[in-house]
């Protein structure tokens, strides 16, 4: 339940600390006193969107804290645990929100910073706010299926079906994509096959262009180089007999050395002769090596004329293929691999498409079974809700009215993540009149009572144990208003109920009454809340009955409303 509310600098409220009691609490006051401000502030603490206009004029920041007590198995505890928020056993849960004048806000749970989304998720678990416009929501048929799902606790089934629906859409997308690719592939496969055949015949190699260009450049110079090598070789072997002369000179020096006699004088001549003979011998060796090298070079340069032709034809063929396919020559190898993979893919698309179709049919079957099961649960829940609403409407002076949950099964192409059926709430307010949509059949007061009956039925499930009703008694008065007050009082026996009301009959049923009123302080208009004692309650309800001029008769009527014996 909601234990306390602390408000700072919200619109006309500068400072407010309010403690709430169990049971039924009524918030009353003149129109414009600021009852909506209280709900806006509470909504801010629950994670709802807050506009910077909520910050009191002149203040830099507003803040709201709401304190709740939770049971041991409260559903909010799982959210807190998953988010890593500490919540001690038996301790109060504190939801807090600050809002700056610049519109920036911060959210806290138990003084731990959290996201506004987490604050909102937790807030919906601890408190429900039902406004006077809930009836307008009921007129929108789009709200009926979620309401029925909430009543029957089918949110988990709906979430699971949503996952199946997404899986079905993914399977359909894949199947359609493969079919489209196969159609395109069939149209392009001939071109791909022809291109691949050309590349296979060409058989390009990595870095082949560079090698061929180098070979072509070499071959273009080979003839000139060969001529120069031949000239050098001829000069080494010309008719002057250079090699023979060198050999004869070497023989003569060797003979001279052999003819020298021993002695000091001979040694002087011997050394230069030996040096000269060694030089001649080395010259002959170098000359022989030079001649051999020139022979090798000549053989290397002895190229066949067709070799140049083959190199040029190969290079030109590679470059032509590269231009045709819009790639560099070095990219032909990769293009060949891509075309091979593409052709294989096109050839395998038929099998892939078959597998995708089977997967789609399986996903469709899974979704259909789950959607059918969910529709059956909704049908059963709808029957239960009809019986409960019939009972709820009796004490609200609508015992002649009938409520029906219409289930419409959809065509396959209209099914969606929420199911293959639609839910419409219809009513018949008088015997013999046909059923019709809420908005066209029910009056404003009837719509409010239908809304209360529906909220009462939903509250009997695992919803929050604290609820606020904002002028849900709008458009009713007299005995009908008293019946609404009775039902709210009954509802408060199982849950804490707070209500904003202008109806004295409804307010008189409350266990606690809080008056919202304006006052002036230092020439500034402010709003405050006061918990009324017994005499103040009587005066307030008399004001609600009579208006500004409260008469003794109004006070007597107020005492009659507040006296349970008289009221019952």
Protein backbone atom coordinates (compact mmCIF):
# COMPACT_ATOMS: atom_id res chain seq x y z
CA UNK A 1 0.00 0.00 0.00
CA UNK A 2 0.93 3.66 -0.36
CA UNK A 3 2.15 4.81 3.05
CA UNK A 4 3.36 8.34 2.45
CA UNK A 5 3.82 11.03 -0.16
CA UNK A 6 6.39 13.83 -0.01
CA UNK A 7 6.15 16.70 -2.48
CA UNK A 8 8.48 19.66 -2.92
CA UNK A 9 7.95 22.56 -5.32
CA UNK A 10 5.30 21.05 -7.59
CA UNK A 11 3.16 23.78 -9.23
CA UNK A 12 1.21 25.34 -6.31
CA UNK A 13 2.64 23.01 -3.67
CA UNK A 14 5.80 24.24 -2.00
CA UNK A 15 6.04 21.58 0.70
CA UNK A 16 3.78 18.63 1.48
CA UNK A 17 4.23 15.56 3.68
CA UNK A 18 1.20 13.30 3.64
CA UNK A 19 0.59 9.96 5.38
CA UNK A 20 -2.04 7.59 3.96
CA UNK A 21 -4.12 5.05 5.81
CA UNK A 22 -5.42 1.67 4.64
CA UNK A 23 -8.95 1.34 3.31
CA UNK A 24 -10.77 4.03 1.35
CA UNK A 25 -9.41 7.59 1.26
CA UNK A 26 -11.29 10.44 -0.40
CA UNK A 27 -9.60 13.57 -1.76
CA UNK A 28 -12.11 16.40 -2.00
CA UNK A 29 -12.04 20.13 -2.53
CA UNK A 30 -13.35 22.86 -4.71
CA UNK A 31 -12.74 22.76 -8.45
CA UNK A 32 -9.29 24.19 -9.20
CA UNK A 33 -7.99 23.62 -5.70
CA UNK A 34 -5.23 21.37 -6.99
CA UNK A 35 -6.43 17.78 -6.77
CA UNK A 36 -4.99 17.09 -10.22
CA UNK A 37 -1.63 18.40 -9.01
CA UNK A 38 -1.51 15.62 -6.44
CA UNK A 39 -2.09 13.01 -9.15
CA UNK A 40 0.48 14.62 -11.44
CA UNK A 41 3.03 14.58 -8.63
CA UNK A 42 2.27 10.99 -7.77
CA UNK A 43 2.50 10.05 -11.44
CA UNK A 44 5.93 11.70 -11.56
CA UNK A 45 7.11 9.50 -8.69
CA UNK A 46 5.78 6.45 -10.53
CA UNK A 47 7.93 7.16 -13.59
CA UNK A 48 5.37 8.88 -15.80
CA UNK A 49 6.53 11.66 -18.10
CA UNK A 50 6.94 14.97 -16.32
CA UNK A 51 6.92 18.39 -17.98
CA UNK A 52 9.09 21.20 -16.65
CA UNK A 53 5.87 23.19 -16.13
CA UNK A 54 5.34 21.07 -13.01
CA UNK A 55 8.24 22.84 -11.30
CA UNK A 56 6.90 25.63 -9.05
CA UNK A 57 7.59 29.11 -10.34
CA UNK A 58 10.87 30.39 -8.93
CA UNK A 59 12.14 26.94 -7.87
CA UNK A 60 15.15 25.30 -9.53
CA UNK A 61 14.03 21.75 -8.83
CA UNK A 62 10.95 19.78 -7.83
CA UNK A 63 10.91 16.39 -6.16
CA UNK A 64 8.35 13.75 -5.24
CA UNK A 65 8.83 10.66 -3.06
CA UNK A 66 6.27 7.90 -2.63
CA UNK A 67 6.71 5.26 0.06
CA UNK A 68 5.11 1.82 -0.26
CA UNK A 69 4.97 -1.30 1.86
CA UNK A 70 5.22 -4.59 -0.06
CA UNK A 71 4.22 -8.13 0.80
CA UNK A 72 6.75 -10.96 0.70
CA UNK A 73 5.63 -12.22 -2.73
CA UNK A 74 4.94 -8.82 -4.31
CA UNK A 75 5.62 -8.91 -8.10
CA UNK A 76 7.69 -5.70 -7.87
CA UNK A 77 10.35 -7.59 -5.91
CA UNK A 78 11.37 -9.60 -8.96
CA UNK A 79 11.88 -6.42 -10.98
CA UNK A 80 14.01 -4.93 -8.22
CA UNK A 81 16.06 -8.10 -7.90
CA UNK A 82 16.67 -8.31 -11.66
CA UNK A 83 17.78 -4.67 -11.69
CA UNK A 84 20.12 -5.14 -8.71
CA UNK A 85 18.19 -2.71 -6.50
CA UNK A 86 18.49 -3.51 -2.78
CA UNK A 87 15.16 -4.07 -1.07
CA UNK A 88 15.47 -5.26 2.51
CA UNK A 89 12.87 -7.65 3.84
CA UNK A 90 10.13 -5.75 5.62
CA UNK A 91 11.52 -2.36 4.55
CA UNK A 92 9.49 0.26 2.72
CA UNK A 93 9.98 0.80 -0.99
CA UNK A 94 10.76 4.43 -1.79
CA UNK A 95 10.21 5.73 -5.33
CA UNK A 96 11.66 9.21 -5.88
CA UNK A 97 11.87 11.54 -8.85
CA UNK A 98 13.49 14.93 -9.21
CA UNK A 99 12.62 17.36 -11.99
CA UNK A 100 14.70 20.43 -12.83
CA UNK A 101 13.38 23.69 -14.17
CA UNK A 102 15.20 22.82 -17.39
CA UNK A 103 13.06 19.69 -17.78
CA UNK A 104 15.77 17.20 -16.86
CA UNK A 105 14.73 14.50 -14.43
CA UNK A 106 16.40 11.81 -12.36
CA UNK A 107 14.85 8.64 -10.95
CA UNK A 108 15.68 6.81 -7.73
CA UNK A 109 14.51 3.65 -6.02
CA UNK A 110 15.55 3.35 -2.39
CA UNK A 111 17.92 6.28 -3.07
CA UNK A 112 19.68 4.24 -5.78
CA UNK A 113 19.79 5.95 -9.23
CA UNK A 114 17.72 4.02 -11.81
CA UNK A 115 16.28 4.58 -15.26
CA UNK A 116 12.88 6.21 -15.69
CA UNK A 117 11.78 3.01 -17.44
CA UNK A 118 12.55 0.88 -14.37
CA UNK A 119 10.82 3.41 -12.14
CA UNK A 120 7.75 3.21 -14.36
CA UNK A 121 7.81 -0.60 -14.50
CA UNK A 122 7.99 -0.82 -10.72
CA UNK A 123 5.39 1.93 -10.35
CA UNK A 124 2.81 0.02 -12.38
CA UNK A 125 3.31 -2.94 -10.03
CA UNK A 126 2.62 -0.99 -6.83
CA UNK A 127 -0.14 1.46 -7.80
CA UNK A 128 -2.88 1.75 -10.41
CA UNK A 129 -4.31 5.13 -11.40
CA UNK A 130 -7.74 5.03 -12.99
CA UNK A 131 -8.80 8.37 -14.41
CA UNK A 132 -12.11 9.88 -15.36
CA UNK A 133 -11.10 9.30 -18.97
CA UNK A 134 -10.81 5.53 -18.52
CA UNK A 135 -14.32 5.39 -19.93
CA UNK A 136 -13.00 6.96 -23.11
CA UNK A 137 -10.39 4.22 -23.20
CA UNK A 138 -13.15 1.64 -22.91
CA UNK A 139 -14.81 3.13 -25.96
CA UNK A 140 -11.71 2.30 -27.94
CA UNK A 141 -12.02 -1.35 -28.94
CA UNK A 142 -8.24 -1.56 -29.24
CA UNK A 143 -8.05 -1.53 -25.42
CA UNK A 144 -10.45 -4.44 -24.93
CA UNK A 145 -8.15 -7.32 -25.79
CA UNK A 146 -5.31 -6.11 -23.51
CA UNK A 147 -7.82 -5.60 -20.70
CA UNK A 148 -9.14 -9.14 -21.10
CA UNK A 149 -5.60 -10.49 -21.25
CA UNK A 150 -4.78 -8.63 -18.04
CA UNK A 151 -7.87 -10.00 -16.35
CA UNK A 152 -6.98 -13.57 -17.34
CA UNK A 153 -3.23 -13.12 -16.65
CA UNK A 154 -2.43 -13.96 -20.26
CA UNK A 155 0.40 -11.46 -20.67
CA UNK A 156 2.97 -14.27 -20.70
CA UNK A 157 1.02 -16.14 -23.39
CA UNK A 158 0.77 -12.95 -25.45
CA UNK A 159 4.50 -12.26 -25.11
CA UNK A 160 5.31 -15.83 -26.17
CA UNK A 161 2.95 -15.55 -29.14
CA UNK A 162 4.63 -12.28 -30.10
CA UNK A 163 7.93 -14.14 -30.28
CA UNK A 164 6.34 -16.80 -32.48
CA UNK A 165 4.90 -14.09 -34.71
CA UNK A 166 8.32 -12.51 -35.13
CA UNK A 167 9.82 -15.91 -35.92
CA UNK A 168 7.07 -16.39 -38.51
CA UNK A 169 7.82 -13.00 -40.09
CA UNK A 170 11.53 -13.80 -40.19
CA UNK A 171 10.80 -17.14 -41.85
CA UNK A 172 8.49 -15.47 -44.37
CA UNK A 173 11.10 -12.83 -45.16
CA UNK A 174 13.78 -15.46 -45.69
CA UNK A 175 11.54 -17.57 -47.91
CA UNK A 176 10.51 -14.56 -50.01
CA UNK A 177 14.08 -13.36 -50.26
CA UNK A 178 15.30 -16.73 -51.46
CA UNK A 179 12.49 -16.96 -54.00
CA UNK A 180 13.38 -13.51 -55.32
CA UNK A 181 17.07 -14.35 -55.42
CA UNK A 182 16.36 -17.60 -57.24
CA UNK A 183 14.25 -15.77 -59.84
CA UNK A 184 16.99 -13.22 -60.32
CA UNK A 185 19.61 -15.95 -60.30
CA UNK A 186 17.83 -17.92 -62.97
CA UNK A 187 17.82 -14.82 -65.17
CA UNK A 188 21.51 -14.12 -64.57
CA UNK A 189 22.87 -17.63 -64.35
CA UNK A 190 23.53 -17.85 -68.12
CA UNK A 191 25.61 -14.68 -68.01
CA UNK A 192 27.44 -15.88 -64.89
CA UNK A 193 28.09 -19.26 -66.44
CA UNK A 194 29.44 -17.74 -69.67
CA UNK A 195 31.66 -15.31 -67.77
CA UNK A 196 32.97 -18.10 -65.60
CA UNK A 197 33.72 -20.28 -68.63
CA UNK A 198 35.74 -17.42 -70.16
CA UNK A 199 37.70 -16.94 -66.94
CA UNK A 200 38.29 -20.64 -66.59
CA UNK A 201 39.74 -20.73 -70.09
CA UNK A 202 41.87 -17.70 -69.34
CA UNK A 203 42.89 -19.19 -65.98
CA UNK A 204 44.32 -15.98 -64.43
CA UNK A 205 46.99 -16.25 -61.74
CA UNK A 206 47.84 -14.00 -58.82
CA UNK A 207 50.29 -11.19 -59.72
CA UNK A 208 50.41 -12.45 -63.33
CA UNK A 209 50.15 -9.01 -64.92
CA UNK A 210 53.30 -7.77 -63.19
CA UNK A 211 55.28 -10.84 -64.32
CA UNK A 212 54.08 -10.56 -67.90
CA UNK A 213 54.85 -6.83 -68.03
CA UNK A 214 58.36 -7.49 -66.79
CA UNK A 215 58.85 -10.29 -69.33
CA UNK A 216 57.58 -8.10 -72.16
CA UNK A 217 59.92 -5.29 -71.20
CA UNK A 218 62.83 -7.73 -71.05
CA UNK A 219 62.04 -9.29 -74.42
CA UNK A 220 61.80 -5.86 -76.05
CA UNK A 221 65.42 -5.15 -74.95
CA UNK A 222 66.84 -8.67 -75.45
CA UNK A 223 67.78 -8.21 -79.14
CA UNK A 224 69.86 -5.08 -78.55
CA UNK A 225 71.55 -6.61 -75.51
CA UNK A 226 72.33 -9.80 -77.47
CA UNK A 227 74.05 -7.74 -80.20
CA UNK A 228 76.31 -6.05 -77.67
CA UNK A 229 77.16 -9.38 -76.04
CA UNK A 230 78.02 -10.84 -79.45
CA UNK A 231 80.35 -7.86 -80.16
CA UNK A 232 82.16 -8.39 -76.88
CA UNK A 233 82.50 -12.11 -77.53
CA UNK A 234 83.86 -11.46 -81.05
CA UNK A 235 86.42 -9.04 -79.74
CA UNK A 236 87.64 -11.65 -77.27
CA UNK A 237 87.98 -14.16 -80.07
CA UNK A 238 89.12 -11.95 -82.97
CA UNK A 239 92.06 -12.79 -85.33
CA UNK A 240 94.68 -10.73 -83.46
CA UNK A 241 95.51 -13.83 -81.44
CA UNK A 242 95.36 -12.10 -78.06
CA UNK A 243 94.94 -15.35 -76.18
CA UNK A 244 97.75 -17.07 -78.18
CA UNK A 245 100.09 -14.15 -77.57
CA UNK A 246 99.34 -14.22 -73.86
CA UNK A 247 100.01 -17.96 -73.82
CA UNK A 248 103.32 -17.57 -75.77
CA UNK A 249 104.42 -14.79 -73.42
CA UNK A 250 103.67 -16.97 -70.43
CA UNK A 251 105.70 -19.88 -71.93
CA UNK A 252 108.67 -17.56 -72.62
CA UNK A 253 108.63 -16.27 -69.04
CA UNK A 254 108.42 -19.77 -67.65
CA UNK A 255 111.46 -20.80 -69.81
CA UNK A 256 113.38 -17.75 -68.64
CA UNK A 257 112.72 -18.68 -65.06
CA UNK A 258 113.89 -22.24 -65.72
CA UNK A 259 117.23 -20.95 -67.21
CA UNK A 260 118.21 -18.78 -64.26
CA UNK A 261 121.30 -19.90 -62.30
CA UNK A 262 121.37 -19.82 -58.53
CA UNK A 263 122.90 -16.78 -56.98
CA UNK A 264 122.22 -13.39 -55.61
CA UNK A 265 121.98 -11.73 -58.97
CA UNK A 266 119.53 -14.32 -60.22
CA UNK A 267 117.18 -13.69 -57.28
CA UNK A 268 116.88 -10.05 -58.26
CA UNK A 269 115.59 -11.05 -61.73
CA UNK A 270 113.51 -14.00 -60.58
CA UNK A 271 110.98 -12.04 -58.53
CA UNK A 272 109.75 -9.72 -61.31
CA UNK A 273 109.64 -12.65 -63.76
CA UNK A 274 107.46 -14.66 -61.37
CA UNK A 275 105.23 -11.65 -60.84
CA UNK A 276 104.82 -11.17 -64.57
CA UNK A 277 104.13 -14.88 -65.15
CA UNK A 278 101.42 -14.86 -62.43
CA UNK A 279 99.72 -11.86 -63.96
CA UNK A 280 99.70 -13.49 -67.39
CA UNK A 281 98.28 -16.68 -65.94
CA UNK A 282 95.49 -14.76 -64.16
CA UNK A 283 94.75 -12.82 -67.31
CA UNK A 284 94.31 -16.02 -69.25
CA UNK A 285 91.98 -17.38 -66.55
CA UNK A 286 89.86 -14.15 -66.41
CA UNK A 287 89.74 -14.08 -70.18
CA UNK A 288 88.46 -17.64 -70.25
CA UNK A 289 85.82 -16.81 -67.58
CA UNK A 290 84.75 -13.72 -69.50
CA UNK A 291 84.35 -15.74 -72.66
CA UNK A 292 82.29 -18.36 -70.80
CA UNK A 293 80.07 -15.70 -69.22
CA UNK A 294 79.41 -14.11 -72.58
CA UNK A 295 78.46 -17.53 -73.96
CA UNK A 296 75.96 -17.95 -71.09
CA UNK A 297 74.56 -14.50 -71.65
CA UNK A 298 74.23 -15.19 -75.33
CA UNK A 299 72.28 -18.36 -74.68
CA UNK A 300 69.97 -16.52 -72.26
CA UNK A 301 69.33 -13.81 -74.79
CA UNK A 302 68.74 -16.29 -77.57
CA UNK A 303 64.87 -15.86 -77.37
CA UNK A 304 62.42 -17.20 -79.83
CA UNK A 305 60.39 -14.56 -81.70
CA UNK A 306 57.09 -16.23 -80.73
CA UNK A 307 57.89 -15.80 -77.02
CA UNK A 308 57.26 -12.06 -77.28
CA UNK A 309 54.08 -12.71 -79.20
CA UNK A 310 52.82 -15.14 -76.56
CA UNK A 311 53.59 -12.72 -73.70
CA UNK A 312 51.85 -9.82 -75.40
CA UNK A 313 48.81 -11.87 -76.34
CA UNK A 314 48.50 -13.14 -72.74
CA UNK A 315 48.87 -9.67 -71.26
CA UNK A 316 46.37 -8.14 -73.68
CA UNK A 317 43.87 -10.96 -73.02
CA UNK A 318 44.06 -10.45 -69.25
CA UNK A 319 43.60 -6.68 -69.55
CA UNK A 320 40.67 -7.10 -71.93
CA UNK A 321 38.93 -9.45 -69.50
CA UNK A 322 39.56 -7.02 -66.63
CA UNK A 323 38.00 -4.15 -68.59
CA UNK A 324 35.00 -6.28 -69.52
CA UNK A 325 34.22 -7.10 -65.91
CA UNK A 326 35.19 -3.72 -64.51
CA UNK A 327 38.02 -4.94 -62.28
CA UNK A 328 41.79 -4.71 -62.14
CA UNK A 329 43.77 -7.56 -63.71
CA UNK A 330 44.80 -8.69 -60.22
CA UNK A 331 41.07 -8.88 -59.34
CA UNK A 332 40.31 -11.51 -61.98
CA UNK A 333 41.30 -14.36 -59.65
CA UNK A 334 38.92 -13.12 -56.94
CA UNK A 335 36.18 -12.47 -59.53
CA UNK A 336 36.54 -16.03 -60.76
CA UNK A 337 36.10 -17.31 -57.23
CA UNK A 338 33.08 -15.04 -56.69
CA UNK A 339 31.39 -16.15 -59.89
CA UNK A 340 32.07 -19.77 -58.98
CA UNK A 341 30.45 -19.24 -55.57
CA UNK A 342 27.57 -17.31 -57.12
CA UNK A 343 26.87 -20.01 -59.65
CA UNK A 344 27.02 -22.65 -56.92
CA UNK A 345 24.70 -20.51 -54.80
CA UNK A 346 22.21 -20.14 -57.63
CA UNK A 347 22.30 -23.87 -58.20
CA UNK A 348 21.76 -24.45 -54.46
CA UNK A 349 18.99 -21.84 -54.09
CA UNK A 350 16.31 -24.34 -54.99
CA UNK A 351 17.29 -26.52 -52.04
CA UNK A 352 17.64 -23.49 -49.78
CA UNK A 353 14.24 -22.22 -50.85
CA UNK A 354 12.70 -25.61 -50.16
CA UNK A 355 14.24 -25.67 -46.68
CA UNK A 356 13.06 -22.09 -46.05
CA UNK A 357 9.53 -22.98 -47.11
CA UNK A 358 9.49 -25.92 -44.72
CA UNK A 359 10.76 -23.65 -41.93
CA UNK A 360 8.03 -21.11 -42.74
CA UNK A 361 5.32 -23.75 -42.72
CA UNK A 362 6.60 -25.01 -39.38
CA UNK A 363 6.65 -21.48 -37.94
CA UNK A 364 3.12 -20.89 -39.30
CA UNK A 365 1.89 -24.10 -37.72
CA UNK A 366 3.50 -23.23 -34.39
CA UNK A 367 1.95 -19.75 -34.44
CA UNK A 368 -1.48 -21.05 -35.48
CA UNK A 369 -1.55 -23.60 -32.65
CA UNK A 370 -0.47 -21.02 -30.06
CA UNK A 371 -2.88 -18.39 -31.41
CA UNK A 372 -5.70 -20.92 -31.33
CA UNK A 373 -4.89 -21.91 -27.75
CA UNK A 374 -4.75 -18.25 -26.73
CA UNK A 375 -8.09 -17.59 -28.42
CA UNK A 376 -9.63 -20.46 -26.43
CA UNK A 377 -8.28 -19.02 -23.18
CA UNK A 378 -9.68 -15.62 -24.11
CA UNK A 379 -13.06 -17.13 -24.90
CA UNK A 380 -13.14 -18.82 -21.50
CA UNK A 381 -11.93 -15.66 -19.75
CA UNK A 382 -14.55 -13.62 -21.60
CA UNK A 383 -17.31 -15.85 -20.29
CA UNK A 384 -15.95 -15.51 -16.77
CA UNK A 385 -15.69 -11.72 -17.11
CA UNK A 386 -19.29 -11.53 -18.33
CA UNK A 387 -20.49 -13.39 -15.21
CA UNK A 388 -18.39 -11.24 -12.88
CA UNK A 389 -19.48 -7.99 -14.56
CA UNK A 390 -23.11 -9.07 -14.24
CA UNK A 391 -22.59 -9.32 -10.47
CA UNK A 392 -20.58 -6.09 -10.30
CA UNK A 393 -23.26 -4.08 -12.10
CA UNK A 394 -26.03 -5.00 -9.66
CA UNK A 395 -24.85 -2.89 -6.71
CA UNK A 396 -24.11 -0.07 -9.14
CA UNK A 397 -27.83 0.18 -9.97
CA UNK A 398 -27.36 -1.40 -13.39
CA UNK A 399 -28.92 -4.79 -12.73
CA UNK A 400 -30.88 -4.57 -16.00
CA UNK A 401 -27.75 -3.95 -18.05
CA UNK A 402 -25.92 -6.76 -19.75
CA UNK A 403 -22.26 -6.98 -20.68
CA UNK A 404 -20.86 -9.18 -23.43
CA UNK A 405 -17.35 -10.05 -24.56
CA UNK A 406 -17.46 -10.56 -28.32
CA UNK A 407 -14.65 -12.56 -29.86
CA UNK A 408 -14.05 -12.19 -33.60
CA UNK A 409 -11.69 -14.62 -35.30
CA UNK A 410 -9.54 -12.93 -37.93
CA UNK A 411 -8.55 -14.02 -41.40
CA UNK A 412 -5.01 -15.36 -41.61
CA UNK A 413 -3.71 -12.19 -43.28
CA UNK A 414 -5.06 -10.05 -40.42
CA UNK A 415 -3.52 -12.02 -37.58
CA UNK A 416 -0.73 -10.35 -35.70
CA UNK A 417 1.65 -10.59 -32.75
CA UNK A 418 -1.27 -10.29 -30.33
CA UNK A 419 -3.20 -13.17 -31.83
CA UNK A 420 -5.69 -14.19 -34.49
CA UNK A 421 -8.74 -12.78 -32.75
CA UNK A 422 -10.24 -9.44 -31.75
CA UNK A 423 -12.10 -8.69 -28.53
CA UNK A 424 -14.96 -6.19 -28.35
CA UNK A 425 -16.81 -5.20 -25.17
CA UNK A 426 -20.51 -4.62 -25.87
CA UNK A 427 -23.41 -3.64 -23.65
CA UNK A 428 -27.15 -3.61 -23.56
CA UNK A 429 -28.38 -1.11 -20.97
CA UNK A 430 -32.07 -1.99 -21.09
CA UNK A 431 -34.01 -5.24 -21.54
CA UNK A 432 -34.87 -5.96 -25.15
CA UNK A 433 -32.31 -3.55 -26.60
CA UNK A 434 -29.60 -5.04 -28.78
CA UNK A 435 -25.97 -5.19 -27.79
CA UNK A 436 -23.72 -2.49 -29.16
CA UNK A 437 -20.40 -0.76 -28.59
CA UNK A 438 -19.92 0.93 -25.25
CA UNK A 439 -19.51 4.39 -26.75
CA UNK A 440 -22.77 4.32 -28.70
CA UNK A 441 -24.94 2.58 -26.12
CA UNK A 442 -23.83 3.74 -22.66
CA UNK A 443 -24.31 7.25 -21.30
CA UNK A 444 -21.54 9.11 -19.48
CA UNK A 445 -22.70 7.94 -16.05
CA UNK A 446 -23.24 4.39 -17.27
CA UNK A 447 -19.82 4.37 -18.85
CA UNK A 448 -18.24 5.43 -15.55
CA UNK A 449 -20.01 2.62 -13.73
CA UNK A 450 -19.01 0.10 -16.38
CA UNK A 451 -15.46 1.31 -15.96
CA UNK A 452 -15.64 0.93 -12.17
CA UNK A 453 -17.16 -2.54 -12.48
CA UNK A 454 -14.45 -3.59 -14.89
CA UNK A 455 -11.67 -2.16 -12.70
CA UNK A 456 -13.17 -3.92 -9.70
CA UNK A 457 -13.17 -7.20 -11.60
CA UNK A 458 -9.57 -6.70 -12.68
CA UNK A 459 -8.54 -5.73 -9.17
CA UNK A 460 -9.61 -9.12 -7.93
CA UNK A 461 -6.63 -10.60 -9.77
CA UNK A 462 -2.92 -10.22 -9.07
CA UNK A 463 -2.79 -6.50 -9.65
CA UNK A 464 -1.40 -3.78 -7.39
CA UNK A 465 -2.87 -3.62 -3.92
CA UNK A 466 -3.20 0.18 -4.14
CA UNK A 467 -5.45 2.05 -6.56
CA UNK A 468 -6.43 5.63 -7.26
CA UNK A 469 -9.73 6.54 -8.91
CA UNK A 470 -9.81 10.05 -10.35
CA UNK A 471 -13.43 11.26 -10.53
CA UNK A 472 -14.64 7.91 -11.76
CA UNK A 473 -18.03 8.88 -10.33
CA UNK A 474 -18.34 11.66 -12.89
CA UNK A 475 -21.84 12.07 -14.28
CA UNK A 476 -23.70 10.22 -11.54
CA UNK A 477 -25.48 11.42 -8.43
CA UNK A 478 -28.03 10.50 -5.80
CA UNK A 479 -28.61 6.79 -5.27
CA UNK A 480 -26.27 5.87 -8.13
CA UNK A 481 -23.44 7.88 -6.58
CA UNK A 482 -24.14 6.16 -3.28
CA UNK A 483 -23.92 2.78 -5.04
CA UNK A 484 -20.57 3.78 -6.55
CA UNK A 485 -19.36 4.77 -3.09
CA UNK A 486 -20.50 1.43 -1.68
CA UNK A 487 -18.61 -0.47 -4.37
CA UNK A 488 -15.46 1.53 -3.79
CA UNK A 489 -15.78 0.87 -0.08
CA UNK A 490 -16.15 -2.87 -0.74
CA UNK A 491 -13.16 -2.76 -3.06
CA UNK A 492 -11.08 -1.08 -0.36
CA UNK A 493 -11.53 -4.05 1.93
CA UNK A 494 -9.09 -6.03 -0.21
CA UNK A 495 -6.91 -3.18 -1.41
CA UNK A 496 -6.03 0.39 -0.53
CA UNK A 497 -8.23 2.74 -2.57
CA UNK A 498 -7.76 6.49 -2.99
CA UNK A 499 -10.37 8.49 -4.86
CA UNK A 500 -10.65 12.03 -6.11
CA UNK A 501 -14.34 12.91 -6.01
CA UNK A 502 -16.86 15.72 -6.10
CA UNK A 503 -19.69 13.43 -4.98
CA UNK A 504 -20.71 13.74 -1.32
CA UNK A 505 -22.29 10.28 -1.40
CA UNK A 506 -18.98 8.76 -2.53
CA UNK A 507 -16.83 10.81 -0.14
CA UNK A 508 -19.03 9.82 2.80
CA UNK A 509 -18.09 6.16 2.26
CA UNK A 510 -14.39 6.87 2.82
CA UNK A 511 -12.51 5.83 5.94
CA UNK A 512 -10.32 8.92 5.60
CA UNK A 513 -11.09 12.23 3.94
CA UNK A 514 -8.43 14.70 2.80
CA UNK A 515 -9.37 18.19 1.70
CA UNK A 516 -7.35 19.90 -1.01
CA UNK A 517 -7.50 23.67 -0.67
CA UNK A 518 -5.80 26.83 -1.84
CA UNK A 519 -4.41 29.53 0.44
CA UNK A 520 -2.34 32.68 0.05
CA UNK A 521 1.06 33.08 1.68
CA UNK A 522 3.24 36.13 1.11
CA UNK A 523 1.03 37.11 -1.85
CA UNK A 524 1.60 33.67 -3.40
CA UNK A 525 -1.20 31.18 -4.02
CA UNK A 526 -0.36 27.71 -2.73
CA UNK A 527 -2.14 24.36 -2.35
CA UNK A 528 -2.22 22.29 0.80
CA UNK A 529 -3.88 19.07 1.96
CA UNK A 530 -5.51 18.54 5.34
CA UNK A 531 -6.74 15.31 6.85
CA UNK A 532 -10.20 16.15 8.16
CA UNK A 533 -11.50 15.18 11.56
CA UNK A 534 -15.12 14.13 12.08
CA UNK A 535 -16.51 17.68 12.37
CA UNK A 536 -14.48 18.91 9.43
CA UNK A 537 -15.68 15.99 7.31
CA UNK A 538 -19.27 16.84 8.09
CA UNK A 539 -18.70 20.46 7.09
CA UNK A 540 -16.87 19.47 3.89
CA UNK A 541 -19.60 17.05 2.80
CA UNK A 542 -22.22 19.66 3.61
CA UNK A 543 -20.33 22.07 1.34
CA UNK A 544 -20.28 19.44 -1.38
CA UNK A 545 -24.05 19.08 -0.99
CA UNK A 546 -25.00 22.74 -0.73
CA UNK A 547 -22.20 24.75 -2.30
CA UNK A 548 -20.66 27.90 -0.84
CA UNK A 549 -23.59 28.69 1.53
CA UNK A 550 -23.78 25.72 3.90
CA UNK A 551 -27.15 25.44 5.62
CA UNK A 552 -28.18 23.48 8.67
CA UNK A 553 -30.18 21.21 6.41
CA UNK A 554 -27.02 20.46 4.41
CA UNK A 555 -25.15 19.67 7.64
CA UNK A 556 -27.94 17.34 8.69
CA UNK A 557 -27.82 15.60 5.32
CA UNK A 558 -24.06 15.30 5.63
CA UNK A 559 -24.37 13.70 9.07
CA UNK A 560 -26.89 11.25 7.61
CA UNK A 561 -24.46 10.30 4.85
CA UNK A 562 -21.63 9.84 7.33
CA UNK A 563 -23.73 7.74 9.71
CA UNK A 564 -23.34 4.13 8.48
CA UNK A 565 -26.67 3.14 9.93
CA UNK A 566 -28.42 5.94 8.12
CA UNK A 567 -26.49 5.32 4.94
CA UNK A 568 -27.26 1.62 4.92
